[in-house]
Amino acid sequence: MSISKRIYLFITLVVLAVTGKAQHYQFSQFYAAQTYLNPAFTGAAACTRMTINYRNQWSAIPGTFTTYQVAVDHYAKSINSGVGFQFFTDKAGSGNLKTTQFSALYAYQLQINRKFAMRAGFSLGGVQRSIDYSALVFGDQIARGGAASSVESINNVKTTYLDASTGLLAYSENSWAGFSINHFTRPNQSLIEESSKLPGDFKFHGGHKFILDGDDSESGRKNAEKNSITAAFNYKKQQKFNQIDIGLYYSRNLFVVGMWYRGIPLWRPYTWYQNNDALVFLVGLSADKLNIGYSYDYTISKLSNVRSGGTHEISLSYQFCPKKKKKKRPILISCPKF
């Protein structure tokens, strides 16, 4: 592919990222679900990568919120592109409101020079939402002394639609910044034959890795990764609602610990809304190919941690690296693995 064609493809994906308009699942370990955070991360690992994420939100509340994700992505050097797919399933509430999604992923990498690169990505897939109406209790059932069924006429129990997201990422050896936009197709997610369009979901994320041993040369990168502090953030906005995750990770050899805050207490979309969510604590194991992380969200909103039971999240990623002759590798994004 010629240089002009490469630049044209990159600009096309950037335009999608800028002009798109984007409901989303939430992971506290947002960098452990990179392709969901931003499709521009597709193929950003050194080898073929598989990631698995599990989230159990507010575990003490009946009808808890649970989310699963499985993603596989691969970088094809011959076309400077990352390809992959991701699968989500999310269940919320006592009525088992369930969302299932399968998406294809693509990202194009543009190497600006030896120390700086950019990526633009895109995802497209099908979504199915459904609800178990038999698990719900309607007003007429209560009025009739706890009747077993409702007199309401219910036609649809599920709906399907296409959904898409796009994003842009710029990075050097120790810093990165990116943004993504979900649901710019504004799909109708209504289960009752009415209009309920998903509003746009915007994310802006970035950070910097501070090397602690003072060796930031190319030959010392592997050791440097094992002793560092990383500052990172992820800002999210959807209509009037906004939130930020901001905190620090400390890496020492194979072990990683982290702590961050979620919420923006001084920025409220409504006067009654307390934009104060949780403190997140993480412990993780990060080897060359394998990463395992566990995090706990301590609820600090009015819901309180005693009532919510907090939130548990587990992440697992593994890179499949075939044995080949050593070649000069591209710049790898230095963001955390969790």
Protein backbone atom coordinates (compact mmCIF):
# COMPACT_ATOMS: atom_id res chain seq x y z
CA MET A 1 0.00 0.00 0.00
CA SER A 2 1.43 3.36 -1.00
CA ILE A 3 2.06 6.17 1.48
CA SER A 4 -0.75 8.27 -0.02
CA LYS A 5 -3.26 5.41 0.34
CA ARG A 6 -2.14 4.79 3.93
CA ILE A 7 -2.66 8.44 4.82
CA TYR A 8 -6.05 8.49 3.06
CA LEU A 9 -7.22 5.42 5.02
CA PHE A 10 -6.02 6.95 8.27
CA ILE A 11 -7.77 10.27 7.59
CA THR A 12 -11.01 8.45 6.74
CA LEU A 13 -11.00 6.72 10.13
CA VAL A 14 -10.14 9.98 11.88
CA VAL A 15 -13.15 11.66 10.23
CA LEU A 16 -15.37 8.87 11.56
CA ALA A 17 -13.92 9.46 15.03
CA VAL A 18 -14.54 13.19 14.88
CA THR A 19 -18.00 13.26 13.30
CA GLY A 20 -19.57 10.27 15.06
CA LYS A 21 -22.14 10.66 17.83
CA ALA A 22 -22.50 7.91 20.58
CA GLN A 23 -25.13 3.60 26.49
CA HIS A 24 -22.41 1.62 27.55
CA TYR A 25 -21.21 -1.06 29.90
CA GLN A 26 -18.72 0.08 32.51
CA PHE A 27 -15.46 -1.51 33.61
CA SER A 28 -13.39 -0.15 36.48
CA GLN A 29 -10.36 -1.82 34.92
CA PHE A 30 -10.94 0.11 31.73
CA TYR A 31 -7.45 -0.57 30.34
CA ALA A 32 -8.06 -4.31 30.77
CA ALA A 33 -10.89 -3.91 28.25
CA GLN A 34 -8.96 -1.79 25.77
CA THR A 35 -10.91 -2.58 22.60
CA TYR A 36 -14.15 -1.67 24.37
CA LEU A 37 -12.63 1.53 25.75
CA ASN A 38 -11.49 2.56 22.29
CA PRO A 39 -11.48 0.46 19.09
CA ALA A 40 -8.22 2.19 18.13
CA PHE A 41 -6.54 -0.20 20.65
CA THR A 42 -7.31 -3.13 18.32
CA GLY A 43 -4.04 -4.91 17.57
CA ALA A 44 -2.07 -2.69 19.93
CA ALA A 45 -0.40 -5.63 21.73
CA ALA A 46 2.86 -7.22 20.62
CA CYS A 47 1.11 -10.51 19.68
CA THR A 48 -2.35 -11.97 19.18
CA ARG A 49 -4.24 -11.15 22.37
CA MET A 50 -7.26 -12.62 24.15
CA THR A 51 -8.95 -10.76 27.01
CA ILE A 52 -11.71 -11.84 29.37
CA ASN A 53 -13.48 -9.46 31.76
CA TYR A 54 -16.11 -10.08 34.45
CA ARG A 55 -17.90 -7.43 36.55
CA ASN A 56 -20.39 -7.97 39.40
CA GLN A 57 -21.75 -4.55 40.32
CA TRP A 58 -23.36 -3.85 43.71
CA SER A 59 -23.20 -7.50 44.74
CA ALA A 60 -25.44 -7.11 47.84
CA ILE A 61 -28.41 -5.76 45.87
CA PRO A 62 -30.97 -8.31 44.56
CA GLY A 63 -31.02 -8.55 40.80
CA THR A 64 -27.36 -7.58 40.59
CA PHE A 65 -25.69 -6.15 37.46
CA THR A 66 -23.24 -8.55 35.82
CA THR A 67 -21.15 -8.04 32.69
CA TYR A 68 -18.94 -10.42 30.72
CA GLN A 69 -16.62 -9.58 27.83
CA VAL A 70 -14.42 -11.73 25.61
CA ALA A 71 -12.22 -10.09 22.97
CA VAL A 72 -9.54 -11.30 20.55
CA ASP A 73 -7.36 -8.96 18.49
CA HIS A 74 -4.31 -9.27 16.27
CA TYR A 75 -1.88 -6.89 14.55
CA ALA A 76 -1.19 -7.56 10.88
CA LYS A 77 2.12 -5.81 10.18
CA SER A 78 1.86 -6.21 6.40
CA ILE A 79 -1.17 -3.89 6.28
CA ASN A 80 -0.37 -1.79 9.38
CA SER A 81 -3.74 -2.81 10.79
CA GLY A 82 -5.27 -4.44 13.83
CA VAL A 83 -8.28 -6.77 13.45
CA GLY A 84 -10.42 -8.60 15.97
CA PHE A 85 -13.81 -9.16 17.54
CA GLN A 86 -15.46 -8.74 20.91
CA PHE A 87 -18.46 -10.33 22.61
CA PHE A 88 -20.48 -8.80 25.47
CA THR A 89 -23.32 -10.00 27.61
CA ASP A 90 -24.82 -7.84 30.34
CA LYS A 91 -27.67 -8.65 32.76
CA ALA A 92 -29.30 -6.00 34.94
CA GLY A 93 -32.04 -6.05 37.57
CA SER A 94 -34.61 -8.57 38.78
CA GLY A 95 -36.32 -8.51 35.38
CA ASN A 96 -33.16 -9.87 33.77
CA LEU A 97 -32.79 -7.03 31.32
CA LYS A 98 -30.17 -8.64 29.10
CA THR A 99 -27.96 -7.15 26.42
CA THR A 100 -25.84 -9.30 24.13
CA GLN A 101 -23.47 -7.84 21.56
CA PHE A 102 -20.98 -9.16 19.01
CA SER A 103 -18.75 -6.69 17.18
CA ALA A 104 -15.99 -6.80 14.58
CA LEU A 105 -12.97 -4.54 15.21
CA TYR A 106 -10.52 -2.75 12.95
CA ALA A 107 -7.75 -0.19 13.55
CA TYR A 108 -5.12 1.37 11.31
CA GLN A 109 -1.71 2.40 12.65
CA LEU A 110 0.25 5.34 11.26
CA GLN A 111 3.88 5.45 12.40
CA ILE A 112 4.86 9.13 12.40
CA ASN A 113 8.49 8.56 13.43
CA ARG A 114 10.54 6.28 15.69
CA LYS A 115 9.02 7.75 18.85
CA PHE A 116 5.46 8.70 17.94
CA ALA A 117 2.50 6.89 16.35
CA MET A 118 -1.23 7.29 15.88
CA ARG A 119 -4.11 4.83 15.53
CA ALA A 120 -7.68 5.18 14.30
CA GLY A 121 -10.23 2.43 14.89
CA PHE A 122 -13.78 1.38 14.21
CA SER A 123 -16.17 -1.32 15.50
CA LEU A 124 -19.47 -2.53 14.11
CA GLY A 125 -21.77 -5.23 15.41
CA GLY A 126 -25.22 -6.51 16.26
CA VAL A 127 -26.96 -6.06 19.60
CA GLN A 128 -29.92 -7.91 21.10
CA ARG A 129 -31.79 -6.63 24.17
CA SER A 130 -34.39 -8.71 25.98
CA ILE A 131 -36.27 -8.80 29.26
CA ASP A 132 -38.03 -11.51 31.27
CA TYR A 133 -41.45 -9.94 31.79
CA SER A 134 -42.57 -12.93 33.91
CA ALA A 135 -40.09 -11.79 36.57
CA LEU A 136 -41.68 -8.32 36.81
CA VAL A 137 -44.60 -7.25 39.02
CA PHE A 138 -47.07 -4.74 37.51
CA GLY A 139 -49.44 -2.39 39.31
CA ASP A 140 -52.57 -4.33 38.34
CA GLN A 141 -51.13 -7.47 39.95
CA ILE A 142 -50.72 -5.62 43.25
CA ALA A 143 -54.20 -4.08 42.94
CA ARG A 144 -55.66 -7.56 42.45
CA GLY A 145 -54.09 -8.89 45.63
CA GLY A 146 -50.90 -10.27 44.16
CA ALA A 147 -52.22 -11.87 40.97
CA ALA A 148 -49.87 -14.29 39.22
CA SER A 149 -49.96 -12.43 35.91
CA SER A 150 -50.69 -9.00 34.51
CA VAL A 151 -53.55 -7.97 32.23
CA GLU A 152 -51.07 -5.81 30.29
CA SER A 153 -50.66 -6.82 26.66
CA ILE A 154 -46.96 -7.35 25.95
CA ASN A 155 -45.94 -7.91 22.34
CA ASN A 156 -42.15 -7.61 22.23
CA VAL A 157 -39.71 -9.17 24.67
CA LYS A 158 -36.58 -8.42 22.66
CA THR A 159 -35.16 -6.12 20.04
CA THR A 160 -32.10 -6.18 17.79
CA TYR A 161 -30.12 -3.38 16.16
CA LEU A 162 -26.75 -2.46 14.69
CA ASP A 163 -24.31 -0.45 16.79
CA ALA A 164 -20.99 1.18 15.98
CA SER A 165 -18.18 3.07 17.66
CA THR A 166 -15.00 4.78 16.56
CA GLY A 167 -11.88 6.26 18.15
CA LEU A 168 -8.49 7.86 17.79
CA LEU A 169 -5.28 7.27 19.74
CA ALA A 170 -1.90 9.03 19.79
CA TYR A 171 1.08 7.76 21.78
CA SER A 172 4.80 7.75 22.39
CA GLU A 173 6.91 5.39 24.50
CA ASN A 174 5.69 6.73 27.85
CA SER A 175 2.57 8.81 27.12
CA TRP A 176 -0.74 8.31 25.36
CA ALA A 177 -4.04 10.12 24.77
CA GLY A 178 -7.18 9.11 22.92
CA PHE A 179 -10.90 9.53 22.55
CA SER A 180 -13.76 7.35 21.39
CA ILE A 181 -17.43 7.77 20.51
CA ASN A 182 -19.95 4.96 20.95
CA HIS A 183 -23.40 4.51 19.40
CA PHE A 184 -23.01 7.17 16.71
CA THR A 185 -25.68 5.32 14.71
CA ARG A 186 -28.16 6.30 17.46
CA PRO A 187 -29.92 2.90 17.39
CA ASN A 188 -33.45 2.47 18.74
CA GLN A 189 -33.24 0.15 21.78
CA SER A 190 -36.94 0.24 22.77
CA LEU A 191 -38.61 -3.04 23.75
CA ILE A 192 -42.17 -1.68 23.46
CA GLU A 193 -42.38 -0.52 19.84
CA GLU A 194 -41.60 3.07 20.69
CA SER A 195 -38.56 5.26 20.12
CA SER A 196 -35.72 5.10 22.64
CA LYS A 197 -32.54 6.10 20.84
CA LEU A 198 -29.20 5.55 22.52
CA PRO A 199 -27.50 8.89 23.19
CA GLY A 200 -23.90 9.41 22.18
CA ASP A 201 -21.23 8.23 24.66
CA PHE A 202 -17.95 10.13 24.55
CA LYS A 203 -14.72 9.02 26.28
CA PHE A 204 -11.42 10.84 26.60
CA HIS A 205 -8.50 8.96 28.18
CA GLY A 206 -4.77 9.23 28.60
CA GLY A 207 -1.83 9.08 30.95
CA HIS A 208 1.92 8.96 31.46
CA LYS A 209 4.31 6.33 32.78
CA PHE A 210 7.09 7.52 35.10
CA ILE A 211 10.11 5.21 35.05
CA LEU A 212 11.60 4.82 38.53
CA ASP A 213 14.92 3.13 37.81
CA GLY A 214 16.15 5.87 35.45
CA ASP A 215 16.75 3.46 32.57
CA ASP A 216 14.51 4.51 29.71
CA SER A 217 16.72 3.38 26.84
CA GLU A 218 15.44 0.91 24.27
CA SER A 219 17.53 -1.87 25.81
CA GLY A 220 16.20 -1.05 29.24
CA ARG A 221 12.50 -0.87 28.37
CA LYS A 222 11.74 -4.37 29.60
CA ASN A 223 13.24 -3.68 33.03
CA ALA A 224 11.75 -0.19 33.13
CA GLU A 225 8.26 -1.62 32.70
CA LYS A 226 8.80 -3.57 35.92
CA ASN A 227 9.45 -0.55 38.13
CA SER A 228 7.21 2.40 37.38
CA ILE A 229 4.33 4.62 38.47
CA THR A 230 1.61 5.39 35.95
CA ALA A 231 -0.90 8.23 36.20
CA ALA A 232 -4.04 7.62 34.12
CA PHE A 233 -7.56 8.93 33.60
CA ASN A 234 -10.74 8.15 31.67
CA TYR A 235 -13.39 10.84 31.25
CA LYS A 236 -16.89 9.80 30.10
CA LYS A 237 -19.83 11.93 29.01
CA GLN A 238 -23.30 10.92 27.88
CA GLN A 239 -25.85 13.69 27.39
CA LYS A 240 -25.81 15.73 30.65
CA PHE A 241 -24.10 13.01 32.69
CA ASN A 242 -20.33 12.89 33.05
CA GLN A 243 -17.76 11.04 35.13
CA ILE A 244 -14.02 10.65 35.46
CA ASP A 245 -11.82 7.79 36.64
CA ILE A 246 -8.45 9.14 37.76
CA GLY A 247 -5.67 7.53 39.75
CA LEU A 248 -2.28 5.83 39.95
CA TYR A 249 -0.77 2.40 39.27
CA TYR A 250 2.47 1.17 40.83
CA SER A 251 4.34 -1.68 39.11
CA ARG A 252 7.19 -3.60 40.71
CA ASN A 253 8.50 -6.70 38.97
CA LEU A 254 5.43 -8.86 38.27
CA PHE A 255 3.09 -7.12 40.70
CA VAL A 256 0.80 -4.15 40.15
CA VAL A 257 -1.31 -2.22 42.66
CA GLY A 258 -3.57 0.69 41.87
CA MET A 259 -6.10 3.07 43.30
CA TRP A 260 -8.38 5.58 41.61
CA TYR A 261 -11.49 7.68 42.13
CA ARG A 262 -14.67 7.78 40.06
CA GLY A 263 -16.99 10.79 39.94
CA ILE A 264 -16.98 14.56 39.56
CA PRO A 265 -18.54 15.94 42.79
CA LEU A 266 -18.32 19.60 41.76
CA TRP A 267 -19.94 19.04 38.36
CA ARG A 268 -23.56 17.96 38.61
CA PRO A 269 -25.99 17.64 35.69
CA TYR A 270 -28.86 18.22 38.16
CA THR A 271 -28.82 19.79 41.62
CA TRP A 272 -30.17 16.60 43.21
CA TYR A 273 -27.58 14.37 41.55
CA GLN A 274 -24.56 13.40 43.66
CA ASN A 275 -21.78 12.82 41.14
CA ASN A 276 -19.71 10.78 43.57
CA ASP A 277 -19.45 7.07 42.85
CA ALA A 278 -16.58 4.94 44.16
CA LEU A 279 -12.98 4.41 45.18
CA VAL A 280 -11.40 1.57 43.23
CA PHE A 281 -8.60 -0.66 44.57
CA LEU A 282 -6.63 -3.02 42.33
CA VAL A 283 -4.12 -5.85 42.70
CA GLY A 284 -2.68 -7.52 39.63
CA LEU A 285 -0.06 -9.85 38.21
CA SER A 286 1.57 -8.71 34.97
CA ALA A 287 3.96 -11.07 33.20
CA ASP A 288 5.27 -10.90 29.63
CA LYS A 289 2.26 -12.68 28.13
CA LEU A 290 -0.20 -13.10 31.00
CA ASN A 291 -2.06 -10.44 32.99
CA ILE A 292 -4.51 -11.16 35.83
CA GLY A 293 -6.24 -8.40 37.80
CA TYR A 294 -8.81 -8.07 40.59
CA SER A 295 -10.42 -4.80 41.62
CA TYR A 296 -12.96 -3.77 44.22
CA ASP A 297 -15.16 -0.67 43.98
CA TYR A 298 -15.88 0.81 47.40
CA THR A 299 -19.16 2.73 47.04
CA ILE A 300 -18.99 6.31 48.35
CA SER A 301 -22.31 7.57 46.97
CA LYS A 302 -25.53 7.82 49.02
CA LEU A 303 -26.18 4.17 48.17
CA SER A 304 -23.29 3.39 50.58
CA ASN A 305 -20.96 0.41 50.49
CA VAL A 306 -22.93 -1.42 53.23
CA ARG A 307 -26.07 -1.44 51.08
CA SER A 308 -24.37 -2.04 47.74
CA GLY A 309 -21.81 -4.62 48.87
CA GLY A 310 -19.33 -2.95 46.55
CA THR A 311 -18.37 -4.14 43.09
CA HIS A 312 -16.04 -6.98 42.14
CA GLU A 313 -14.19 -7.15 38.84
CA ILE A 314 -11.77 -9.72 37.40
CA SER A 315 -9.70 -9.43 34.23
CA LEU A 316 -7.52 -11.90 32.36
CA SER A 317 -5.48 -11.40 29.21
CA TYR A 318 -3.02 -13.62 27.39
CA GLN A 319 -0.82 -13.02 24.33
CA PHE A 320 -0.11 -15.82 21.87
CA CYS A 321 3.39 -15.19 20.54
CA PRO A 322 4.84 -17.66 18.01
CA LYS A 323 8.59 -18.15 18.08
CA LYS A 324 10.16 -16.07 15.31
CA LYS A 325 13.40 -14.31 14.56
CA LYS A 326 13.78 -11.14 16.53
CA LYS A 327 12.69 -8.08 14.62
CA LYS A 328 12.48 -4.44 15.50
CA ARG A 329 9.09 -4.02 17.11
CA PRO A 330 6.86 -0.96 16.75
CA ILE A 331 6.17 1.44 19.59
CA LEU A 332 3.95 -0.25 22.16
CA ILE A 333 1.40 1.76 24.12
CA SER A 334 2.62 2.08 27.69
CA CYS A 335 -0.83 2.34 29.31
CA PRO A 336 -1.61 0.00 32.24
CA LYS A 337 -2.85 -3.54 31.62
CA PHE A 338 -5.77 -3.05 34.04
